[in-house]
Amino acid sequence: MSNALQRYPSIAALHQALASRQLSATELAQDCLRQIELHANLNAFVHTDADLTLAQAREADNLLAAGRGTLLTGLPIAHKDVFVTQGWRSTAGSNMLKQYTSPFDATVVHNLRAAGCVTLGKLNCDEFAMGSGNKHSAFGPTHNPWDTSAVPGGSSGASAAAVAAKLVIAATGTDTGGSVRQPAALCGVTGIKPTYGAVSRYGMIAYGSSLDQAGPLASSALDLVDMLDVMSGFDNKDSTSAEHCKGVPNAPGRIRAEFNNADKSFHSNATQPLKGLRIGVPKEFFGEGLSNDVAQAIEVALQQFEKLGAQRVDISLPRTALSIPAYYVIAPAEASSNLSRYDGVRYGHRSASYSDLEDMTARSRAEGFGAEVKRRILIGTYVLSHGYYDAYYLQAQRLRRMIVDDFQAALTQQCDVIMGPVTPTVAQPIAHNQHDPTADWLADIYTLGLNLAGLPGMSIPCGFGPGASGKPLPIGLQIIGNYFDEGRLLAVAHQFQQVTDWHQRVAGQA
């Protein structure tokens, strides 16, 4: 058996094949492990363990044979390496945690495992999720399957690359400033960042605690429904976890029910299923810096939505540009606090040579953290220091409140969803901006505001544009909704994917 995930490219198709015994979970896992080896040049995986994977696969086969399998039983997935896992190392892409193995699973990992998913291993990422290109990993950069000289996006770049290369049927990621949506866009897959609090953060190695949110990546919106419905739910081990979502308990089944209700309402008008849906298009998303190729692809996608019956509404998010300075004050400040725990005392890297406790901590951090992490820690420590807290951190928090107000004014008064680009350009070469690392921060302009506001958003493939090497590279459309509106967002995306095939294109075959 070869390339099973190309033969069965969706969760539904793979589930049917497993349930009907056309293939076993063990055969599927073995095939995926072979594909990972064949695509080692992508550097997507930082740790695999065939024994652990095959043990889970055999367990899945037993459940399927006994008729006790779920929709996800036997499905091969992998986890971004900021989710702690038993058995597999949990490094956050850092030398600081190079050999760390967690004694417990993150809640997201636990939920997917309980649903029967088979873990193939841990996926590369920017160190402590700090980056937009998956090139700030201690284990080397991940390469984009569409063009290995280009970045896959970050920080969940390997999650997107693994899905795009058909190494996994789906993967977990995290989104602090666009880190699910951006790699999904650049690798031509579908990814969603749910509302802050919808998915437990327990066992997710922290970067920015008020911004971090877990989300899945897969080929289609339909597959994301299956993944996110299992991943989400209230968790009393996470103080930021939401107990209720719009008056409904935050529990598995919520997102699927919301999706089904929205999808059913869309089907009431067969010719124009999205009739009555108001799409807000922010003028600030189409200004200087947006490439013509991306702008054109987004325009064609919006026209497709109009053919489906949706109405385009011009809106304004006036503080879009200010989301960059606000984010790059708040996120580093939270990183400075969160990463202070890595001191060489309890766990993580400890320098082999030091004179006293203070020297041990300083040397351990200097050796364990990479350049981008050090840069953000220094910024965060500076803005939190005496004399600068009021001038920078408090001002950024005030600006964050204003950004929330901008989104709320649009989503409650003018439109039902907001659409626009995810990134200003297609994937850039890995060496791009290597001498000016902060230049990459500017490319996050369309995604950061969403994290500051805690809103849900997703990226769906909508076209291609030429990369630096001339190869066609994917373009993503961003869809933003109001709080806890994940089910409807996925239903809207599904309508688009029923009449387009961008999400079905395979790297090397498009």
Protein backbone atom coordinates (compact mmCIF):
# COMPACT_ATOMS: atom_id res chain seq x y z
CA MET A 1 0.00 0.00 0.00
CA SER A 2 1.35 3.43 -0.90
CA ASN A 3 0.20 6.99 -0.39
CA ALA A 4 -3.02 6.08 1.36
CA LEU A 5 -3.87 9.68 2.22
CA GLN A 6 -3.97 10.56 -1.48
CA ARG A 7 -6.34 7.66 -2.09
CA TYR A 8 -8.52 8.68 0.88
CA PRO A 9 -8.03 12.46 1.09
CA SER A 10 -10.71 13.32 3.68
CA ILE A 11 -11.58 12.21 7.19
CA ALA A 12 -14.92 10.84 5.96
CA ALA A 13 -13.28 8.81 3.17
CA LEU A 14 -10.56 7.51 5.48
CA HIS A 15 -13.09 6.59 8.17
CA GLN A 16 -15.16 4.67 5.62
CA ALA A 17 -12.08 2.79 4.41
CA LEU A 18 -11.11 1.86 7.97
CA ALA A 19 -14.65 0.94 9.03
CA SER A 20 -15.14 -1.27 5.96
CA ARG A 21 -11.73 -2.87 6.53
CA GLN A 22 -10.37 -1.79 3.16
CA LEU A 23 -7.26 -1.06 5.16
CA SER A 24 -6.30 -1.34 8.79
CA ALA A 25 -5.17 1.41 11.14
CA THR A 26 -1.85 -0.42 11.45
CA GLU A 27 -1.31 -0.51 7.67
CA LEU A 28 -2.27 3.14 7.48
CA ALA A 29 0.14 4.13 10.25
CA GLN A 30 2.96 2.16 8.63
CA ASP A 31 2.30 3.86 5.31
CA CYS A 32 2.30 7.31 6.92
CA LEU A 33 5.57 6.58 8.72
CA ARG A 34 7.09 5.59 5.35
CA GLN A 35 5.83 8.81 3.79
CA ILE A 36 7.41 10.81 6.63
CA GLU A 37 10.76 9.15 5.86
CA LEU A 38 10.35 9.80 2.13
CA HIS A 39 9.65 13.48 2.83
CA ALA A 40 12.41 13.92 5.41
CA ASN A 41 13.70 16.84 3.34
CA LEU A 42 10.72 18.90 4.55
CA ASN A 43 12.02 18.63 8.14
CA ALA A 44 8.42 18.60 9.33
CA PHE A 45 8.81 16.05 12.14
CA VAL A 46 11.19 16.50 15.06
CA HIS A 47 10.34 13.20 16.79
CA THR A 48 8.71 9.98 15.66
CA ASP A 49 8.53 6.68 17.50
CA ALA A 50 7.21 3.80 15.41
CA ASP A 51 6.62 1.57 18.43
CA LEU A 52 4.41 4.14 20.15
CA THR A 53 2.51 4.89 16.94
CA LEU A 54 1.93 1.26 16.01
CA ALA A 55 0.77 0.41 19.53
CA GLN A 56 -1.92 3.10 19.18
CA ALA A 57 -2.79 1.81 15.70
CA ARG A 58 -3.25 -1.76 16.95
CA GLU A 59 -5.51 -0.46 19.71
CA ALA A 60 -7.55 1.39 17.06
CA ASP A 61 -7.84 -1.81 15.01
CA ASN A 62 -9.18 -3.66 18.04
CA LEU A 63 -11.80 -0.95 18.62
CA LEU A 64 -12.84 -0.99 14.96
CA ALA A 65 -13.07 -4.79 14.97
CA ALA A 66 -15.29 -4.65 18.05
CA GLY A 67 -17.53 -2.03 16.46
CA ARG A 68 -16.59 0.56 19.08
CA GLY A 69 -14.72 3.00 16.87
CA THR A 70 -15.55 6.68 16.46
CA LEU A 71 -15.28 8.85 13.34
CA LEU A 72 -11.64 9.57 14.25
CA THR A 73 -10.56 6.07 15.32
CA GLY A 74 -7.38 5.05 13.50
CA LEU A 75 -6.88 8.42 11.81
CA PRO A 76 -3.21 9.47 11.59
CA ILE A 77 -2.49 12.92 13.03
CA ALA A 78 0.48 14.73 14.53
CA HIS A 79 0.91 17.47 17.12
CA LYS A 80 2.75 20.75 16.98
CA ASP A 81 5.64 20.47 19.40
CA VAL A 82 4.23 22.99 21.86
CA PHE A 83 1.67 20.43 23.06
CA VAL A 84 3.15 18.20 25.74
CA THR A 85 2.86 14.49 25.07
CA GLN A 86 3.63 11.32 26.95
CA GLY A 87 6.22 9.23 25.15
CA TRP A 88 7.20 11.71 22.47
CA ARG A 89 9.54 14.57 23.36
CA SER A 90 8.03 18.02 23.91
CA THR A 91 10.63 20.61 22.94
CA ALA A 92 8.75 23.71 21.69
CA GLY A 93 11.41 23.80 18.96
CA SER A 94 14.01 24.89 21.52
CA ASN A 95 17.32 23.67 22.85
CA MET A 96 16.00 24.72 26.23
CA LEU A 97 13.69 21.67 26.17
CA LYS A 98 15.69 19.51 23.76
CA GLN A 99 15.32 16.27 25.72
CA TYR A 100 12.16 17.03 27.72
CA THR A 101 9.50 14.33 27.95
CA SER A 102 6.26 15.25 29.67
CA PRO A 103 4.67 12.99 32.30
CA PHE A 104 1.19 13.93 30.99
CA ASP A 105 -0.67 14.79 27.80
CA ALA A 106 -2.02 18.23 26.96
CA THR A 107 -5.83 18.31 27.06
CA VAL A 108 -5.99 18.69 23.25
CA VAL A 109 -3.77 15.62 22.85
CA HIS A 110 -5.84 13.70 25.41
CA ASN A 111 -9.14 14.57 23.71
CA LEU A 112 -7.97 13.48 20.26
CA ARG A 113 -6.40 10.33 21.66
CA ALA A 114 -9.64 9.48 23.48
CA ALA A 115 -11.47 9.85 20.16
CA GLY A 116 -9.17 7.20 18.68
CA CYS A 117 -6.66 9.27 16.71
CA VAL A 118 -3.25 7.70 16.13
CA THR A 119 -0.30 10.00 16.82
CA LEU A 120 2.52 9.87 14.26
CA GLY A 121 4.84 12.18 16.20
CA LYS A 122 5.72 15.79 16.96
CA LEU A 123 5.90 18.57 14.40
CA ASN A 124 8.56 21.22 14.05
CA CYS A 125 7.72 24.85 14.88
CA ASP A 126 9.30 28.22 15.50
CA GLU A 127 10.95 28.18 18.92
CA PHE A 128 8.27 28.66 21.60
CA ALA A 129 5.91 29.54 18.71
CA MET A 130 7.76 32.83 18.10
CA GLY A 131 8.00 33.33 14.37
CA SER A 132 6.18 33.60 11.06
CA GLY A 133 8.22 31.26 8.91
CA ASN A 134 9.11 28.14 10.90
CA LYS A 135 12.75 29.14 10.46
CA HIS A 136 13.44 29.96 14.12
CA SER A 137 13.54 26.34 15.27
CA ALA A 138 16.53 24.85 17.05
CA PHE A 139 16.07 21.83 14.76
CA GLY A 140 16.32 23.77 11.51
CA PRO A 141 13.67 25.25 9.24
CA THR A 142 10.69 23.41 7.83
CA HIS A 143 10.31 23.60 4.04
CA ASN A 144 7.15 24.35 2.07
CA PRO A 145 6.00 21.25 0.09
CA TRP A 146 5.04 23.47 -2.88
CA ASP A 147 8.58 24.88 -3.08
CA THR A 148 11.22 23.64 -0.67
CA SER A 149 13.16 26.91 -0.98
CA ALA A 150 10.19 28.77 0.57
CA VAL A 151 8.91 29.00 4.13
CA PRO A 152 5.74 27.10 5.09
CA GLY A 153 4.67 29.97 7.36
CA GLY A 154 4.79 29.90 11.11
CA SER A 155 4.81 29.18 13.79
CA SER A 156 2.71 26.08 12.96
CA GLY A 157 4.56 25.69 9.66
CA ALA A 158 5.28 22.00 9.97
CA SER A 159 1.64 21.29 10.85
CA ALA A 160 0.56 22.90 7.57
CA ALA A 161 3.41 21.31 5.60
CA ALA A 162 2.58 17.83 6.92
CA VAL A 163 -1.07 18.19 5.87
CA ALA A 164 -0.13 19.64 2.46
CA ALA A 165 2.37 16.82 1.79
CA LYS A 166 -0.23 14.18 2.80
CA LEU A 167 1.86 12.92 5.71
CA VAL A 168 -1.11 13.28 8.09
CA ILE A 169 -4.85 13.62 7.60
CA ALA A 170 -4.88 16.53 10.08
CA ALA A 171 -2.61 18.24 12.58
CA THR A 172 -2.82 20.43 15.65
CA GLY A 173 -1.40 23.93 15.72
CA THR A 174 -1.48 27.03 17.88
CA ASP A 175 -2.30 30.59 16.90
CA THR A 176 -0.92 33.50 18.94
CA GLY A 177 -0.73 36.10 16.16
CA GLY A 178 -1.76 34.13 13.08
CA SER A 179 0.23 30.94 13.54
CA VAL A 180 -2.50 28.58 12.29
CA ARG A 181 -4.00 30.81 9.60
CA GLN A 182 -0.76 32.04 8.05
CA PRO A 183 0.87 28.62 7.45
CA ALA A 184 -2.49 27.25 6.28
CA ALA A 185 -2.59 30.04 3.67
CA LEU A 186 1.02 29.56 2.54
CA CYS A 187 0.74 25.77 2.27
CA GLY A 188 -2.70 25.61 0.63
CA VAL A 189 -4.56 23.88 3.46
CA THR A 190 -7.47 24.88 5.69
CA GLY A 191 -6.92 25.98 9.27
CA ILE A 192 -8.99 27.58 12.01
CA LYS A 193 -8.21 29.58 15.13
CA PRO A 194 -11.24 29.26 17.41
CA THR A 195 -12.44 31.87 19.89
CA TYR A 196 -10.08 32.37 22.83
CA GLY A 197 -11.26 29.99 25.56
CA ALA A 198 -13.05 27.53 23.26
CA VAL A 199 -10.16 25.05 23.40
CA SER A 200 -8.16 24.20 26.52
CA ARG A 201 -4.66 25.61 26.82
CA TYR A 202 -3.68 23.08 29.50
CA GLY A 203 -0.44 21.37 28.51
CA MET A 204 0.26 23.87 25.75
CA ILE A 205 3.70 25.39 26.30
CA ALA A 206 2.92 29.06 26.78
CA TYR A 207 4.08 32.00 24.69
CA GLY A 208 1.48 34.76 25.19
CA SER A 209 -1.13 33.52 27.63
CA SER A 210 -3.86 36.01 26.70
CA LEU A 211 -3.31 35.35 22.98
CA ASP A 212 -2.44 31.64 22.55
CA GLN A 213 -5.20 29.40 21.20
CA ALA A 214 -5.06 25.89 19.79
CA GLY A 215 -6.59 25.07 16.41
CA PRO A 216 -6.53 22.26 13.83
CA LEU A 217 -5.29 22.17 10.23
CA ALA A 218 -6.65 19.83 7.56
CA SER A 219 -7.50 19.79 3.87
CA SER A 220 -11.06 21.07 4.17
CA ALA A 221 -13.52 22.89 6.41
CA LEU A 222 -15.50 19.66 6.71
CA ASP A 223 -12.46 17.91 8.19
CA LEU A 224 -11.91 20.80 10.60
CA VAL A 225 -15.43 20.32 11.97
CA ASP A 226 -14.51 16.74 12.89
CA MET A 227 -11.26 17.81 14.54
CA LEU A 228 -12.31 20.99 16.32
CA ASP A 229 -15.49 19.47 17.72
CA VAL A 230 -13.38 16.92 19.60
CA MET A 231 -10.61 19.35 20.58
CA SER A 232 -12.93 21.95 22.11
CA GLY A 233 -14.68 21.93 25.46
CA PHE A 234 -14.47 23.36 28.96
CA ASP A 235 -11.47 22.23 30.99
CA ASN A 236 -11.31 22.98 34.72
CA LYS A 237 -7.52 22.61 34.55
CA ASP A 238 -7.36 25.77 32.39
CA SER A 239 -8.42 29.01 34.07
CA THR A 240 -8.95 30.64 30.65
CA SER A 241 -11.31 27.91 29.43
CA ALA A 242 -14.87 29.03 28.68
CA GLU A 243 -17.69 27.13 30.38
CA HIS A 244 -20.37 28.41 28.00
CA CYS A 245 -20.38 29.68 24.42
CA LYS A 246 -23.30 31.99 23.62
CA GLY A 247 -25.32 30.31 26.36
CA VAL A 248 -24.50 26.78 25.19
CA PRO A 249 -22.20 24.53 27.26
CA ASN A 250 -18.68 24.41 25.82
CA ALA A 251 -18.53 20.69 25.13
CA PRO A 252 -17.95 18.28 22.24
CA GLY A 253 -20.95 18.43 19.93
CA ARG A 254 -21.36 22.22 20.15
CA ILE A 255 -19.43 23.07 17.01
CA ARG A 256 -20.91 20.21 15.01
CA ALA A 257 -24.44 21.25 15.98
CA GLU A 258 -23.72 24.88 15.05
CA PHE A 259 -22.21 23.77 11.74
CA ASN A 260 -25.17 21.50 10.95
CA ASN A 261 -27.69 24.23 11.76
CA ALA A 262 -25.90 26.78 9.57
CA ASP A 263 -25.40 24.27 6.76
CA LYS A 264 -29.08 23.30 6.87
CA SER A 265 -30.15 26.94 6.66
CA PHE A 266 -27.85 27.46 3.66
CA HIS A 267 -29.42 24.51 1.86
CA SER A 268 -32.85 26.14 2.07
CA ASN A 269 -31.88 28.15 -1.00
CA ALA A 270 -30.17 25.77 -3.40
CA THR A 271 -29.20 28.28 -6.08
CA GLN A 272 -27.88 30.93 -3.68
CA PRO A 273 -27.21 29.18 -0.37
CA LEU A 274 -25.51 32.21 1.19
CA LYS A 275 -28.30 34.66 0.33
CA GLY A 276 -28.57 37.20 3.14
CA LEU A 277 -25.00 36.68 4.41
CA ARG A 278 -23.24 40.04 4.73
CA ILE A 279 -19.49 39.90 4.08
CA GLY A 280 -17.53 42.82 5.49
CA VAL A 281 -14.45 43.74 3.45
CA PRO A 282 -12.12 46.08 5.39
CA LYS A 283 -10.52 48.75 3.23
CA GLU A 284 -7.45 48.61 5.48
CA PHE A 285 -6.75 45.04 4.29
CA PHE A 286 -6.22 46.19 0.70
CA GLY A 287 -3.71 48.99 1.03
CA GLU A 288 0.02 49.37 0.50
CA GLY A 289 2.04 46.17 0.80
CA LEU A 290 -0.59 43.76 -0.54
CA SER A 291 0.73 42.01 -3.65
CA ASN A 292 -1.31 42.11 -6.85
CA ASP A 293 -1.45 38.30 -7.03
CA VAL A 294 -2.94 37.99 -3.56
CA ALA A 295 -5.34 40.90 -4.11
CA GLN A 296 -6.58 39.36 -7.36
CA ALA A 297 -7.11 35.91 -5.82
CA ILE A 298 -9.03 37.43 -2.90
CA GLU A 299 -11.20 39.44 -5.31
CA VAL A 300 -12.07 36.34 -7.36
CA ALA A 301 -12.94 34.48 -4.12
CA LEU A 302 -15.21 37.32 -2.99
CA GLN A 303 -16.94 37.27 -6.37
CA GLN A 304 -17.54 33.54 -5.90
CA PHE A 305 -19.18 34.22 -2.55
CA GLU A 306 -21.38 36.82 -4.23
CA LYS A 307 -22.42 34.20 -6.80
CA LEU A 308 -23.45 32.05 -3.84
CA GLY A 309 -25.76 34.86 -2.74
CA ALA A 310 -23.65 36.73 -0.21
CA GLN A 311 -23.64 40.53 -0.11
CA ARG A 312 -20.36 42.44 -0.01
CA VAL A 313 -20.24 45.34 2.47
CA ASP A 314 -17.40 47.86 2.63
CA ILE A 315 -16.25 48.32 6.22
CA SER A 316 -13.40 49.92 8.11
CA LEU A 317 -11.14 48.54 10.82
CA PRO A 318 -9.27 51.81 11.39
CA ARG A 319 -6.73 50.50 13.88
CA THR A 320 -5.51 47.60 11.74
CA ALA A 321 -2.00 49.04 11.34
CA LEU A 322 -1.77 49.72 15.08
CA SER A 323 -2.33 46.02 15.85
CA ILE A 324 1.36 45.44 15.02
CA PRO A 325 2.86 47.67 17.74
CA ALA A 326 0.15 46.65 20.22
CA TYR A 327 0.82 42.96 19.66
CA TYR A 328 4.60 43.31 19.71
CA VAL A 329 4.40 44.94 23.11
CA ILE A 330 1.82 42.64 24.73
CA ALA A 331 3.06 39.31 23.35
CA PRO A 332 6.75 39.82 24.29
CA ALA A 333 5.69 41.07 27.73
CA GLU A 334 3.76 37.87 28.33
CA ALA A 335 6.62 35.81 26.86
CA SER A 336 9.07 37.47 29.24
CA SER A 337 6.90 36.40 32.15
CA ASN A 338 6.14 32.89 30.88
CA LEU A 339 9.71 32.02 29.92
CA SER A 340 11.18 33.16 33.24
CA ARG A 341 10.43 29.63 34.51
CA TYR A 342 13.29 28.28 32.38
CA ASP A 343 16.11 28.92 34.80
CA GLY A 344 18.06 25.67 34.70
CA VAL A 345 16.87 24.65 38.15
CA ARG A 346 13.84 22.37 37.79
CA TYR A 347 13.75 21.30 34.15
CA GLY A 348 15.11 22.34 30.81
CA HIS A 349 18.67 23.03 29.77
CA ARG A 350 21.29 23.66 32.46
CA SER A 351 24.70 25.01 31.57
CA ALA A 352 27.58 22.62 32.23
CA SER A 353 29.78 25.39 33.61
CA TYR A 354 28.83 28.15 36.08
CA SER A 355 30.10 29.82 39.25
CA ASP A 356 26.91 30.38 41.26
CA LEU A 357 23.10 30.24 40.97
CA GLU A 358 22.79 33.57 39.17
CA ASP A 359 25.52 32.62 36.72
CA MET A 360 23.88 29.22 36.15
CA THR A 361 20.56 30.85 35.26
CA ALA A 362 22.16 33.41 32.96
CA ARG A 363 24.33 30.86 31.14
CA SER A 364 21.50 28.31 30.85
CA ARG A 365 19.19 30.87 29.24
CA ALA A 366 21.91 32.20 26.96
CA GLU A 367 22.69 28.68 25.74
CA GLY A 368 19.13 27.35 25.65
CA PHE A 369 17.20 30.16 23.94
CA GLY A 370 17.59 31.10 20.29
CA ALA A 371 18.02 34.61 18.89
CA GLU A 372 14.33 35.33 18.17
CA VAL A 373 13.23 34.21 21.63
CA LYS A 374 15.95 36.31 23.28
CA ARG A 375 14.86 39.30 21.18
CA ARG A 376 11.26 39.04 22.35
CA ILE A 377 12.19 38.38 25.99
CA LEU A 378 14.34 41.51 26.02
CA ILE A 379 11.54 43.60 24.48
CA GLY A 380 9.03 42.18 26.94
CA THR A 381 11.24 42.76 29.95
CA TYR A 382 11.87 46.34 28.80
CA VAL A 383 8.19 47.27 28.39
CA LEU A 384 7.38 45.77 31.80
CA SER A 385 10.19 47.58 33.60
CA HIS A 386 9.76 50.52 35.92
CA GLY A 387 9.27 53.73 34.02
CA TYR A 388 8.18 52.07 30.80
CA TYR A 389 5.19 50.02 31.95
CA ASP A 390 2.80 52.97 31.71
CA ALA A 391 4.33 54.31 28.50
CA TYR A 392 4.24 51.05 26.55
CA TYR A 393 2.38 48.13 28.14
CA LEU A 394 -0.64 50.02 29.44
CA GLN A 395 -0.92 51.97 26.20
CA ALA A 396 -0.85 48.74 24.22
CA GLN A 397 -3.63 47.32 26.38
CA ARG A 398 -5.74 50.44 25.79
CA LEU A 399 -5.17 50.06 22.08
CA ARG A 400 -6.18 46.41 22.34
CA ARG A 401 -9.53 47.49 23.77
CA MET A 402 -10.03 49.87 20.85
CA ILE A 403 -9.25 47.10 18.35
CA VAL A 404 -11.89 44.92 20.04
CA ASP A 405 -14.36 47.79 19.69
CA ASP A 406 -13.57 48.14 15.96
CA PHE A 407 -14.32 44.47 15.32
CA GLN A 408 -17.47 44.53 17.44
CA ALA A 409 -18.82 47.62 15.68
CA ALA A 410 -18.36 45.89 12.32
CA LEU A 411 -19.65 42.44 13.31
CA THR A 412 -22.72 43.63 15.22
CA GLN A 413 -23.80 46.56 13.06
CA GLN A 414 -22.53 46.06 9.51
CA CYS A 415 -21.76 42.46 8.62
CA ASP A 416 -21.99 38.80 9.64
CA VAL A 417 -18.43 37.78 8.72
CA ILE A 418 -15.29 39.62 7.63
CA MET A 419 -13.13 38.47 4.72
CA GLY A 420 -9.77 39.47 3.35
CA PRO A 421 -6.21 38.24 2.83
CA VAL A 422 -4.25 36.24 5.38
CA THR A 423 -0.82 37.35 4.19
CA PRO A 424 0.39 40.22 1.96
CA THR A 425 2.32 37.87 -0.34
CA VAL A 426 2.78 34.19 -1.14
CA ALA A 427 5.44 32.28 0.78
CA GLN A 428 8.83 34.01 0.78
CA PRO A 429 12.22 32.28 0.43
CA ILE A 430 13.64 30.89 3.67
CA ALA A 431 16.54 33.35 3.51
CA HIS A 432 14.18 36.33 3.11
CA ASN A 433 14.67 39.06 5.77
CA GLN A 434 17.34 37.04 7.55
CA HIS A 435 19.30 40.23 8.22
CA ASP A 436 16.20 42.15 9.35
CA PRO A 437 14.16 39.72 11.45
CA THR A 438 11.67 42.33 12.61
CA ALA A 439 10.60 42.89 8.97
CA ASP A 440 8.72 39.57 9.14
CA TRP A 441 6.58 41.04 11.90
CA LEU A 442 4.99 43.45 9.41
CA ALA A 443 3.58 40.53 7.40
CA ASP A 444 1.27 39.68 10.32
CA ILE A 445 -0.82 42.84 9.80
CA TYR A 446 -4.01 40.99 8.75
CA THR A 447 -3.92 38.36 11.51
CA LEU A 448 -2.77 40.05 14.74
CA GLY A 449 -5.94 42.01 15.46
CA LEU A 450 -7.93 38.80 15.67
CA ASN A 451 -5.75 37.46 18.48
CA LEU A 452 -5.83 40.74 20.35
CA ALA A 453 -9.64 40.60 20.18
CA GLY A 454 -9.88 36.84 20.88
CA LEU A 455 -12.13 36.31 17.83
CA PRO A 456 -12.36 33.15 15.68
CA GLY A 457 -10.85 33.17 12.20
CA MET A 458 -9.79 30.72 9.54
CA SER A 459 -7.89 30.45 6.29
CA ILE A 460 -9.10 28.59 3.21
CA PRO A 461 -7.19 28.09 -0.05
CA CYS A 462 -8.39 30.42 -2.81
CA GLY A 463 -5.74 30.52 -5.54
CA PHE A 464 -2.08 30.61 -6.48
CA GLY A 465 0.56 33.20 -7.26
CA PRO A 466 4.17 32.95 -8.48
CA GLY A 467 6.83 32.60 -5.80
CA ALA A 468 10.37 33.97 -5.94
CA SER A 469 11.54 30.85 -7.82
CA GLY A 470 8.66 31.08 -10.30
CA LYS A 471 6.77 28.09 -8.87
CA PRO A 472 3.04 28.59 -8.13
CA LEU A 473 2.42 29.01 -4.42
CA PRO A 474 -0.91 28.91 -2.54
CA ILE A 475 -2.95 31.94 -1.41
CA GLY A 476 -5.37 31.90 1.51
CA LEU A 477 -8.62 33.77 2.16
CA GLN A 478 -9.26 34.79 5.77
CA ILE A 479 -12.79 34.49 7.21
CA ILE A 480 -13.44 36.17 10.57
CA GLY A 481 -16.53 35.78 12.74
CA ASN A 482 -17.89 36.95 16.06
CA TYR A 483 -17.21 35.19 19.35
CA PHE A 484 -17.93 31.44 19.42
CA ASP A 485 -19.08 31.50 15.80
CA GLU A 486 -16.78 28.69 14.67
CA GLY A 487 -19.57 26.42 13.39
CA ARG A 488 -21.00 29.06 11.08
CA LEU A 489 -17.53 30.07 9.82
CA LEU A 490 -16.85 26.45 8.90
CA ALA A 491 -20.24 26.18 7.19
CA VAL A 492 -19.56 29.33 5.14
CA ALA A 493 -16.15 27.96 4.15
CA HIS A 494 -17.74 24.61 3.25
CA GLN A 495 -20.10 26.30 0.81
CA PHE A 496 -17.12 27.85 -0.97
CA GLN A 497 -15.22 24.56 -1.03
CA GLN A 498 -18.19 22.76 -2.57
CA VAL A 499 -17.91 24.92 -5.71
CA THR A 500 -14.12 25.30 -5.86
CA ASP A 501 -11.25 22.82 -5.81
CA TRP A 502 -8.38 24.90 -4.40
CA HIS A 503 -8.38 22.81 -1.23
CA GLN A 504 -8.06 19.61 -3.25
CA ARG A 505 -4.86 20.62 -5.02
CA VAL A 506 -1.86 18.53 -3.99
CA ALA A 507 1.70 19.85 -3.81
CA GLY A 508 3.59 18.72 -6.90
CA GLN A 509 0.40 17.89 -8.81
CA ALA A 510 -1.40 21.28 -9.10
